[in-house]
Amino acid sequence: MATVLTCYYCPKPGGLCTRLFRAMRALLDRGHTVHYLALAPFPIDHPRCFFHRFPWPVRHSDTLTFWAFFHLMAPPMLLAIALRHRVTHAFAFGPTYAFLMRPLRRVAGARITCFLRADTLENHRLKDRANPIMALETLIEGLAIHAIHLVGVNQELTETVVRRHTKARPATQGVLPNDLSKKKAEPRKCPARQIRIAMVGILEDRKNPSFAIALVSSLTAGNWKFSFFGVGPERRALESLIDKLGLWEKVRFMGWVAREKIWPNVDLLLMPSLHEGMPNAVLEAVAAGVPVLASDIPAHRWILPLEQLLPLDDPERWRQMLNGILNASQEKLTGLAQQQWDAAAHLRFDWDERITEIILQGQIR
């Protein structure tokens, strides 16, 4: 059995940690041992899962001082863990963590796999990060991917990252998309009195929540309510926009809600994201039989039929499509749900088995 090491600074809600924890559990379920370095324990209780604490308080982990200290101290700590526990394999969810693990390859002889969940540099660009930060992140990304095993959540993401670095080349590269539940949900019935529209995910610029608010404010059809499921830094700005548009009777913030409690209360998901890796919210909606209208970006094209993808530079098409749905019969929503279920057939596979094969054997399909 293998001994595997990973690292992520702090457990938090969202798709990245959901998949990271699932990968760890997949390894543990197959008899392997997992060690991880973090500021706080992950929600995994298993006799072969070992937490190694990074010496920094969680409440102060959002500062540049923390990240400077983390980049300085994490590599020797990870190397010490690897040597002490005879780690044979390591994996990271993101180039930053793969970069911190690079000494394991040379000194400990560990095989390192980096899983790309999203384009880190694109996220920084959307947040308008300063040029020195962008330059530093570009350098770290190039150093991280060189001579290791690189696996993106979709092909466009993998190729974009590799194409940026002419002097850095991964040992192998491939794709592991998020999976979709193999069990199809029962046909849904929307309440006759009201359509429940929602966005699900972190409230940040990348998700483009202000676009959704502007869109629903222009609706002329049907009886509807709009809910945000999630938390994030954009909430105050969104509240100000809702105030300005006088939408408080129609729009509400639900906070962070367990996924199993979200989808019974949503009839239509809006995903006008500027950028995504492989959005779990869309996959969960498809599995739950909830129709989705999404931005026409590469990540959404991996999941949804073209008819449900709309350009962000044409809000009028979004308004017309949404008004048409609100005016339509139940059969319209059922038809959209069936179309997207059929379009995502290629995403129904054993993700746990696949990620274990990739981490331990490099079997990238």
Protein backbone atom coordinates (compact mmCIF):
# COMPACT_ATOMS: atom_id res chain seq x y z
CA MET A 1 0.00 0.00 0.00
CA ALA A 2 1.15 3.55 -0.76
CA THR A 3 1.84 6.41 1.64
CA VAL A 4 0.54 9.66 0.14
CA LEU A 5 1.10 13.30 1.12
CA THR A 6 -1.00 16.34 0.25
CA CYS A 7 -1.33 19.90 1.47
CA TYR A 8 -3.93 22.66 1.55
CA TYR A 9 -3.79 25.64 3.86
CA CYS A 10 -7.25 25.43 5.46
CA PRO A 11 -10.51 23.49 5.03
CA LYS A 12 -13.28 25.67 3.65
CA PRO A 13 -16.59 25.31 1.80
CA GLY A 14 -16.51 25.06 -1.96
CA GLY A 15 -15.81 22.69 -4.80
CA LEU A 16 -12.03 22.52 -4.42
CA CYS A 17 -12.08 21.18 -0.87
CA THR A 18 -15.03 18.93 -1.69
CA ARG A 19 -12.94 17.19 -4.35
CA LEU A 20 -9.71 17.25 -2.31
CA PHE A 21 -11.42 15.50 0.61
CA ARG A 22 -13.06 13.04 -1.76
CA ALA A 23 -9.66 12.16 -3.28
CA MET A 24 -8.23 11.56 0.18
CA ARG A 25 -11.17 9.34 1.14
CA ALA A 26 -10.82 7.40 -2.12
CA LEU A 27 -7.20 6.60 -1.27
CA LEU A 28 -8.08 5.65 2.32
CA ASP A 29 -10.97 3.42 1.20
CA ARG A 30 -8.51 1.47 -0.96
CA GLY A 31 -6.15 0.77 1.93
CA HIS A 32 -3.58 3.53 1.44
CA THR A 33 -2.25 5.95 4.07
CA VAL A 34 -2.65 9.72 3.71
CA HIS A 35 -0.75 12.53 5.47
CA TYR A 36 -1.60 16.20 5.04
CA LEU A 37 -0.21 19.57 6.13
CA ALA A 38 -2.74 22.29 6.97
CA LEU A 39 -3.61 24.97 9.51
CA ALA A 40 -6.61 23.01 10.80
CA PRO A 41 -7.82 19.39 10.58
CA PHE A 42 -9.89 18.32 7.59
CA PRO A 43 -13.32 16.71 8.19
CA ILE A 44 -11.91 13.20 7.66
CA ASP A 45 -11.88 10.78 10.57
CA HIS A 46 -9.84 7.72 9.63
CA PRO A 47 -7.11 5.75 11.43
CA ARG A 48 -4.78 6.00 8.41
CA CYS A 49 -5.29 9.74 7.84
CA PHE A 50 -2.73 11.92 9.66
CA PHE A 51 -2.94 15.69 10.19
CA HIS A 52 0.25 17.75 10.49
CA ARG A 53 -0.39 21.26 11.78
CA PHE A 54 1.17 24.29 10.14
CA PRO A 55 2.07 26.78 12.91
CA TRP A 56 -0.23 29.72 12.13
CA PRO A 57 -3.68 30.75 13.43
CA VAL A 58 -6.52 30.12 10.98
CA ARG A 59 -8.12 33.49 11.67
CA HIS A 60 -5.05 35.30 10.32
CA SER A 61 -4.55 33.26 7.15
CA ASP A 62 -5.80 35.91 4.70
CA THR A 63 -2.75 38.20 4.87
CA LEU A 64 0.32 38.54 2.68
CA THR A 65 2.45 37.92 5.79
CA PHE A 66 0.88 34.47 6.18
CA TRP A 67 1.42 33.54 2.54
CA ALA A 68 5.04 34.67 2.63
CA PHE A 69 5.64 32.58 5.77
CA PHE A 70 3.72 29.64 4.30
CA HIS A 71 5.82 29.61 1.12
CA LEU A 72 8.99 29.78 3.21
CA MET A 73 8.17 27.13 5.82
CA ALA A 74 5.87 24.64 4.08
CA PRO A 75 8.53 23.10 1.75
CA PRO A 76 10.90 21.98 4.57
CA MET A 77 7.94 20.82 6.66
CA LEU A 78 6.52 18.77 3.78
CA LEU A 79 9.94 17.31 3.06
CA ALA A 80 10.42 16.35 6.71
CA ILE A 81 7.01 14.63 6.76
CA ALA A 82 7.84 12.79 3.53
CA LEU A 83 11.20 11.53 4.79
CA ARG A 84 9.94 10.59 8.24
CA HIS A 85 6.92 8.67 6.98
CA ARG A 86 8.47 7.33 3.78
CA VAL A 87 5.99 9.02 1.48
CA THR A 88 5.89 7.43 -1.97
CA HIS A 89 3.38 9.69 -3.72
CA ALA A 90 2.22 13.29 -3.35
CA PHE A 91 -0.57 15.25 -4.94
CA ALA A 92 -1.68 18.87 -4.91
CA PHE A 93 -4.84 20.68 -5.90
CA GLY A 94 -3.28 23.72 -7.54
CA PRO A 95 0.16 24.89 -8.76
CA THR A 96 0.97 26.70 -5.50
CA TYR A 97 0.89 23.47 -3.50
CA ALA A 98 2.70 21.52 -6.22
CA PHE A 99 5.45 24.16 -6.06
CA LEU A 100 5.74 23.74 -2.28
CA MET A 101 6.12 19.98 -2.78
CA ARG A 102 8.88 20.12 -5.40
CA PRO A 103 11.68 19.13 -2.94
CA LEU A 104 9.90 15.78 -2.43
CA ARG A 105 10.63 14.78 -6.00
CA ARG A 106 14.41 15.24 -5.81
CA VAL A 107 15.11 14.42 -2.17
CA ALA A 108 12.42 11.89 -1.21
CA GLY A 109 11.87 10.40 -4.68
CA ALA A 110 8.10 10.89 -4.44
CA ARG A 111 5.89 10.98 -7.51
CA ILE A 112 4.05 14.35 -7.61
CA THR A 113 0.72 14.92 -9.35
CA CYS A 114 -0.83 18.39 -9.67
CA PHE A 115 -4.57 18.69 -10.29
CA LEU A 116 -5.66 21.95 -11.91
CA ARG A 117 -9.09 22.98 -10.69
CA ALA A 118 -9.12 26.43 -12.31
CA ASP A 119 -6.81 28.94 -13.98
CA THR A 120 -5.17 30.69 -11.02
CA LEU A 121 -3.75 33.49 -13.16
CA GLU A 122 -7.12 34.15 -14.79
CA ASN A 123 -8.69 34.38 -11.33
CA HIS A 124 -6.03 36.90 -10.30
CA ARG A 125 -6.64 38.88 -13.49
CA LEU A 126 -10.36 39.04 -12.76
CA LYS A 127 -9.52 40.35 -9.28
CA ASP A 128 -7.26 42.99 -10.85
CA ARG A 129 -4.17 41.87 -8.96
CA ALA A 130 -1.03 44.02 -9.19
CA ASN A 131 1.53 43.19 -11.89
CA PRO A 132 4.21 42.01 -9.41
CA ILE A 133 1.77 39.46 -7.95
CA MET A 134 0.84 38.26 -11.43
CA ALA A 135 4.52 37.91 -12.35
CA LEU A 136 5.26 35.98 -9.16
CA GLU A 137 2.29 33.64 -9.68
CA THR A 138 3.37 33.01 -13.28
CA LEU A 139 6.86 32.08 -12.10
CA ILE A 140 5.50 29.77 -9.37
CA GLU A 141 3.14 28.09 -11.83
CA GLY A 142 5.96 27.41 -14.30
CA LEU A 143 8.24 25.99 -11.62
CA ALA A 144 5.37 23.93 -10.21
CA ILE A 145 4.39 22.11 -13.39
CA HIS A 146 7.87 21.30 -14.70
CA ALA A 147 8.65 17.56 -14.80
CA ILE A 148 5.64 16.52 -12.68
CA HIS A 149 2.33 14.90 -13.66
CA LEU A 150 -0.26 17.53 -14.58
CA VAL A 151 -4.00 16.82 -14.72
CA GLY A 152 -6.58 19.49 -15.56
CA VAL A 153 -10.27 19.39 -14.88
CA ASN A 154 -10.84 20.02 -18.58
CA GLN A 155 -8.63 19.92 -21.66
CA GLU A 156 -8.74 23.65 -22.37
CA LEU A 157 -7.46 24.40 -18.88
CA THR A 158 -4.55 21.96 -19.10
CA GLU A 159 -3.49 23.24 -22.51
CA THR A 160 -3.80 26.89 -21.47
CA VAL A 161 -1.50 26.43 -18.49
CA VAL A 162 1.09 24.39 -20.42
CA ARG A 163 1.06 26.85 -23.32
CA ARG A 164 2.02 29.73 -21.01
CA HIS A 165 5.39 28.19 -20.17
CA THR A 166 7.79 27.53 -23.04
CA LYS A 167 10.63 26.33 -20.78
CA ALA A 168 8.57 24.31 -18.30
CA ARG A 169 7.07 21.01 -19.41
CA PRO A 170 5.19 18.46 -17.30
CA ALA A 171 6.32 14.82 -17.40
CA THR A 172 2.79 13.88 -18.44
CA GLN A 173 -0.44 15.79 -18.88
CA GLY A 174 -4.07 14.77 -19.02
CA VAL A 175 -7.64 15.46 -17.99
CA LEU A 176 -9.82 14.34 -15.10
CA PRO A 177 -13.20 16.09 -15.20
CA ASN A 178 -15.55 16.14 -12.26
CA ASP A 179 -18.05 13.33 -12.42
CA LEU A 180 -21.83 13.30 -12.51
CA SER A 181 -24.05 11.06 -10.45
CA LYS A 182 -25.06 7.94 -12.36
CA LYS A 183 -28.54 8.02 -10.88
CA LYS A 184 -31.02 10.23 -12.67
CA ALA A 185 -33.32 12.32 -10.50
CA GLU A 186 -37.07 11.85 -10.65
CA PRO A 187 -38.90 14.37 -12.87
CA ARG A 188 -39.53 17.58 -10.91
CA LYS A 189 -42.67 19.60 -10.57
CA CYS A 190 -42.30 23.34 -10.18
CA PRO A 191 -44.73 25.11 -7.88
CA ALA A 192 -47.48 26.63 -10.01
CA ARG A 193 -47.41 29.89 -8.07
CA GLN A 194 -43.72 30.73 -8.29
CA ILE A 195 -40.46 29.76 -10.06
CA ARG A 196 -37.48 29.59 -7.69
CA ILE A 197 -34.36 30.88 -9.49
CA ALA A 198 -30.95 30.67 -7.82
CA MET A 199 -27.20 31.10 -8.02
CA VAL A 200 -25.07 28.63 -6.04
CA GLY A 201 -21.44 29.23 -5.09
CA ILE A 202 -19.02 31.73 -3.60
CA LEU A 203 -20.14 35.35 -3.93
CA GLU A 204 -17.17 36.72 -5.85
CA ASP A 205 -16.51 38.61 -9.08
CA ARG A 206 -15.57 35.42 -10.94
CA LYS A 207 -19.12 34.09 -10.51
CA ASN A 208 -20.55 37.36 -11.90
CA PRO A 209 -23.46 37.68 -9.41
CA SER A 210 -24.11 41.33 -10.30
CA PHE A 211 -24.98 40.17 -13.83
CA ALA A 212 -27.65 37.88 -12.37
CA ILE A 213 -29.16 40.68 -10.29
CA ALA A 214 -29.30 43.02 -13.29
CA LEU A 215 -30.87 40.21 -15.32
CA VAL A 216 -33.67 39.38 -12.91
CA SER A 217 -34.38 43.09 -12.38
CA SER A 218 -35.30 43.30 -16.08
CA LEU A 219 -37.73 40.36 -16.09
CA THR A 220 -41.25 41.09 -17.24
CA ALA A 221 -42.71 37.59 -17.12
CA GLY A 222 -43.96 35.20 -14.50
CA ASN A 223 -43.92 35.00 -10.74
CA TRP A 224 -40.44 34.28 -9.39
CA LYS A 225 -38.05 34.51 -6.46
CA PHE A 226 -34.25 34.66 -6.68
CA SER A 227 -31.88 33.21 -4.05
CA PHE A 228 -28.12 33.30 -3.54
CA PHE A 229 -26.80 30.13 -1.91
CA GLY A 230 -23.28 30.88 -0.70
CA VAL A 231 -21.10 33.40 1.06
CA GLY A 232 -18.25 35.58 -0.14
CA PRO A 233 -16.60 38.99 -0.41
CA GLU A 234 -19.13 40.47 -2.84
CA ARG A 235 -22.15 40.26 -0.55
CA ARG A 236 -22.10 43.90 0.60
CA ALA A 237 -21.75 45.21 -2.95
CA LEU A 238 -24.63 42.97 -4.03
CA GLU A 239 -26.80 44.20 -1.17
CA SER A 240 -26.16 47.79 -2.27
CA LEU A 241 -27.15 46.90 -5.84
CA ILE A 242 -30.35 45.22 -4.63
CA ASP A 243 -31.12 48.32 -2.56
CA LYS A 244 -30.61 50.55 -5.60
CA LEU A 245 -32.88 48.40 -7.78
CA GLY A 246 -35.53 47.92 -5.10
CA LEU A 247 -35.42 44.11 -5.31
CA TRP A 248 -35.54 43.07 -1.65
CA GLU A 249 -39.01 41.54 -2.06
CA LYS A 250 -37.67 39.29 -4.83
CA VAL A 251 -34.03 38.53 -3.89
CA ARG A 252 -32.64 36.89 -0.74
CA PHE A 253 -29.34 35.59 0.61
CA MET A 254 -29.46 32.08 2.02
CA GLY A 255 -25.84 31.82 3.21
CA TRP A 256 -23.90 28.57 2.98
CA VAL A 257 -26.34 25.64 2.80
CA ALA A 258 -25.65 21.90 2.58
CA ARG A 259 -26.07 20.74 -1.01
CA GLU A 260 -28.79 18.22 -0.21
CA LYS A 261 -30.91 21.08 1.13
CA ILE A 262 -30.37 23.35 -1.87
CA TRP A 263 -31.72 21.52 -4.90
CA PRO A 264 -35.23 20.65 -3.61
CA ASN A 265 -35.69 24.43 -3.31
CA VAL A 266 -34.42 25.46 -6.75
CA ASP A 267 -36.30 25.26 -10.06
CA LEU A 268 -33.75 27.01 -12.29
CA LEU A 269 -30.01 27.64 -11.80
CA LEU A 270 -28.27 30.68 -13.30
CA MET A 271 -24.48 30.43 -13.81
CA PRO A 272 -23.23 33.59 -15.57
CA SER A 273 -19.61 32.93 -14.48
CA LEU A 274 -16.72 34.74 -16.14
CA HIS A 275 -14.45 31.77 -15.51
CA GLU A 276 -14.76 28.26 -14.04
CA GLY A 277 -12.70 25.10 -13.78
CA MET A 278 -15.42 22.46 -13.60
CA PRO A 279 -18.39 23.89 -11.68
CA ASN A 280 -19.79 21.49 -9.09
CA ALA A 281 -22.97 23.55 -8.82
CA VAL A 282 -23.81 22.83 -12.47
CA LEU A 283 -23.09 19.12 -12.07
CA GLU A 284 -25.22 18.94 -8.93
CA ALA A 285 -28.07 20.75 -10.69
CA VAL A 286 -27.91 18.36 -13.66
CA ALA A 287 -27.97 15.36 -11.30
CA ALA A 288 -30.91 16.84 -9.40
CA GLY A 289 -32.90 17.51 -12.58
CA VAL A 290 -32.66 21.29 -12.19
CA PRO A 291 -32.40 23.17 -15.53
CA VAL A 292 -29.38 25.46 -15.95
CA LEU A 293 -28.76 28.62 -17.97
CA ALA A 294 -25.02 29.33 -18.07
CA SER A 295 -22.39 31.52 -19.66
CA ASP A 296 -20.80 30.22 -22.84
CA ILE A 297 -17.34 29.41 -21.44
CA PRO A 298 -15.21 26.25 -21.91
CA ALA A 299 -16.03 24.72 -18.52
CA HIS A 300 -19.78 24.91 -19.15
CA ARG A 301 -19.39 23.49 -22.67
CA TRP A 302 -18.06 20.28 -21.10
CA ILE A 303 -21.39 19.79 -19.33
CA LEU A 304 -24.33 21.57 -20.95
CA PRO A 305 -25.95 21.53 -24.41
CA LEU A 306 -25.28 24.57 -26.60
CA GLU A 307 -28.91 25.68 -26.35
CA GLN A 308 -28.41 26.44 -22.64
CA LEU A 309 -25.18 28.44 -23.08
CA LEU A 310 -25.49 32.19 -23.55
CA PRO A 311 -22.91 34.93 -24.31
CA LEU A 312 -22.22 37.37 -21.49
CA ASP A 313 -21.95 40.27 -23.94
CA ASP A 314 -25.60 39.83 -24.94
CA PRO A 315 -27.74 40.25 -21.79
CA GLU A 316 -30.83 40.67 -23.97
CA ARG A 317 -30.57 37.01 -25.05
CA TRP A 318 -30.46 36.00 -21.39
CA ARG A 319 -33.53 38.11 -20.67
CA GLN A 320 -35.47 36.66 -23.58
CA MET A 321 -34.52 33.09 -22.69
CA LEU A 322 -35.44 33.57 -19.04
CA ASN A 323 -38.72 35.30 -19.83
CA GLY A 324 -39.53 32.45 -22.22
CA ILE A 325 -38.91 29.88 -19.49
CA LEU A 326 -41.03 31.78 -16.97
CA ASN A 327 -43.89 31.93 -19.47
CA ALA A 328 -43.54 28.29 -20.50
CA SER A 329 -45.24 25.21 -19.21
CA GLN A 330 -43.77 22.59 -16.89
CA GLU A 331 -42.81 20.58 -19.98
CA LYS A 332 -40.29 23.28 -20.99
CA LEU A 333 -38.32 22.92 -17.75
CA THR A 334 -38.53 19.13 -17.90
CA GLY A 335 -37.24 19.20 -21.47
CA LEU A 336 -34.25 21.38 -20.52
CA ALA A 337 -33.39 19.03 -17.66
CA GLN A 338 -33.51 16.00 -19.99
CA GLN A 339 -31.33 17.74 -22.63
CA GLN A 340 -28.60 18.53 -20.13
CA TRP A 341 -28.71 15.03 -18.59
CA ASP A 342 -28.14 13.52 -22.06
CA ALA A 343 -25.38 16.03 -22.91
CA ALA A 344 -23.42 15.13 -19.74
CA ALA A 345 -23.40 11.35 -20.33
CA HIS A 346 -19.58 11.38 -20.71
CA LEU A 347 -19.25 12.57 -17.10
CA ARG A 348 -20.81 9.47 -15.54
CA PHE A 349 -17.82 7.38 -14.44
CA ASP A 350 -16.06 6.19 -11.26
CA TRP A 351 -14.15 9.35 -10.27
CA ASP A 352 -12.78 7.83 -7.05
CA GLU A 353 -11.19 4.94 -8.90
CA ARG A 354 -9.84 7.21 -11.63
CA ILE A 355 -8.15 9.71 -9.32
CA THR A 356 -6.57 6.89 -7.31
CA GLU A 357 -5.14 5.40 -10.50
CA ILE A 358 -3.74 8.77 -11.55
CA ILE A 359 -2.09 9.57 -8.19
CA LEU A 360 -0.55 6.13 -7.73
CA GLN A 361 0.08 4.87 -11.25
CA GLY A 362 -0.15 7.83 -13.56
CA GLN A 363 -2.87 6.19 -15.62
CA ILE A 364 -4.22 9.31 -17.32
CA ARG A 365 -6.90 8.44 -19.85
